Amino acid sequence: MTALDQVTDINRRHYTASVQAGRSAVADLLPGALGALVSAAAFTALGLRPRLAEFR
């Protein structure tokens, strides 16, 4: 049982470290991804505006 507890502790530490690394990687990319999303929405709206004006 002691050996199983040791393996479980090793796996738990590795999992915790991996989750923290993943969250920090996502947090670093989030502002850029948000900016790209807003830019794409703005360019889409600007591109559709002349097409929609034809139906007025």
C-alpha atoms as a PDB file:
ATOM      1  CA  MET A   1       0.000   0.000   0.000  1.00  0.00           C
ATOM      2  CA  THR A   2       2.901   2.341   0.736  1.00  0.00           C
ATOM      3  CA  ALA A   3       4.310   1.842  -2.763  1.00  0.00           C
ATOM      4  CA  LEU A   4       0.906   2.591  -4.281  1.00  0.00           C
ATOM      5  CA  ASP A   5       0.638   5.776  -2.224  1.00  0.00           C
ATOM      6  CA  GLN A   6       4.077   6.865  -3.431  1.00  0.00           C
ATOM      7  CA  VAL A   7       3.130   6.314  -7.085  1.00  0.00           C
ATOM      8  CA  THR A   8      -0.147   8.134  -6.559  1.00  0.00           C
ATOM      9  CA  ASP A   9       1.681  11.093  -5.005  1.00  0.00           C
ATOM     10  CA  ILE A  10       4.111  11.221  -7.937  1.00  0.00           C
ATOM     11  CA  ASN A  11       1.228  11.209 -10.413  1.00  0.00           C
ATOM     12  CA  ARG A  12      -0.692  13.828  -8.442  1.00  0.00           C
ATOM     13  CA  ARG A  13       2.322  16.178  -8.353  1.00  0.00           C
ATOM     14  CA  HIS A  14       2.900  15.731 -12.078  1.00  0.00           C
ATOM     15  CA  TYR A  15      -0.781  16.364 -12.831  1.00  0.00           C
ATOM     16  CA  THR A  16      -0.840  19.507 -10.686  1.00  0.00           C
ATOM     17  CA  ALA A  17       2.312  20.860 -12.332  1.00  0.00           C
ATOM     18  CA  SER A  18       0.921  20.123 -15.801  1.00  0.00           C
ATOM     19  CA  VAL A  19      -2.362  21.871 -15.052  1.00  0.00           C
ATOM     20  CA  GLN A  20      -0.534  24.951 -13.771  1.00  0.00           C
ATOM     21  CA  ALA A  21       1.713  25.025 -16.853  1.00  0.00           C
ATOM     22  CA  GLY A  22      -1.290  24.691 -19.151  1.00  0.00           C
ATOM     23  CA  ARG A  23      -3.197  27.468 -17.433  1.00  0.00           C
ATOM     24  CA  SER A  24      -0.241  29.839 -17.619  1.00  0.00           C
ATOM     25  CA  ALA A  25       0.202  29.045 -21.333  1.00  0.00           C
ATOM     26  CA  VAL A  26      -3.459  29.776 -22.011  1.00  0.00           C
ATOM     27  CA  ALA A  27      -3.370  32.952 -19.925  1.00  0.00           C
ATOM     28  CA  ASP A  28      -0.452  34.226 -22.027  1.00  0.00           C
ATOM     29  CA  LEU A  29      -2.332  33.602 -25.286  1.00  0.00           C
ATOM     30  CA  LEU A  30      -5.727  34.873 -24.195  1.00  0.00           C
ATOM     31  CA  PRO A  31      -5.245  38.627 -24.907  1.00  0.00           C
ATOM     32  CA  GLY A  32      -3.988  37.916 -28.431  1.00  0.00           C
ATOM     33  CA  ALA A  33      -6.823  35.523 -29.150  1.00  0.00           C
ATOM     34  CA  LEU A  34      -9.371  38.026 -27.880  1.00  0.00           C
ATOM     35  CA  GLY A  35      -7.861  40.756 -30.052  1.00  0.00           C
ATOM     36  CA  ALA A  36      -7.988  38.493 -33.111  1.00  0.00           C
ATOM     37  CA  LEU A  37     -11.622  37.646 -32.420  1.00  0.00           C
ATOM     38  CA  VAL A  38     -12.635  41.286 -32.083  1.00  0.00           C
ATOM     39  CA  SER A  39     -10.695  42.186 -35.232  1.00  0.00           C
ATOM     40  CA  ALA A  40     -12.343  39.407 -37.218  1.00  0.00           C
ATOM     41  CA  ALA A  41     -15.793  40.522 -36.062  1.00  0.00           C
ATOM     42  CA  ALA A  42     -15.058  44.145 -36.978  1.00  0.00           C
ATOM     43  CA  PHE A  43     -13.707  43.249 -40.429  1.00  0.00           C
ATOM     44  CA  THR A  44     -16.699  41.004 -41.054  1.00  0.00           C
ATOM     45  CA  ALA A  45     -19.104  43.789 -40.117  1.00  0.00           C
ATOM     46  CA  LEU A  46     -17.251  46.267 -42.337  1.00  0.00           C
ATOM     47  CA  GLY A  47     -17.240  43.816 -45.231  1.00  0.00           C
ATOM     48  CA  LEU A  48     -20.953  43.044 -44.942  1.00  0.00           C
ATOM     49  CA  ARG A  49     -22.046  46.648 -44.601  1.00  0.00           C
ATOM     50  CA  PRO A  50     -21.891  47.488 -48.352  1.00  0.00           C
ATOM     51  CA  ARG A  51     -23.664  44.228 -49.259  1.00  0.00           C
ATOM     52  CA  LEU A  52     -26.463  44.889 -46.780  1.00  0.00           C
ATOM     53  CA  ALA A  53     -26.832  48.451 -48.025  1.00  0.00           C
ATOM     54  CA  GLU A  54     -27.853  47.055 -51.441  1.00  0.00           C
ATOM     55  CA  PHE A  55     -31.064  45.717 -49.915  1.00  0.00           C
ATOM     56  CA  ARG A  56     -32.279  49.077 -48.597  1.00  0.00           C
END
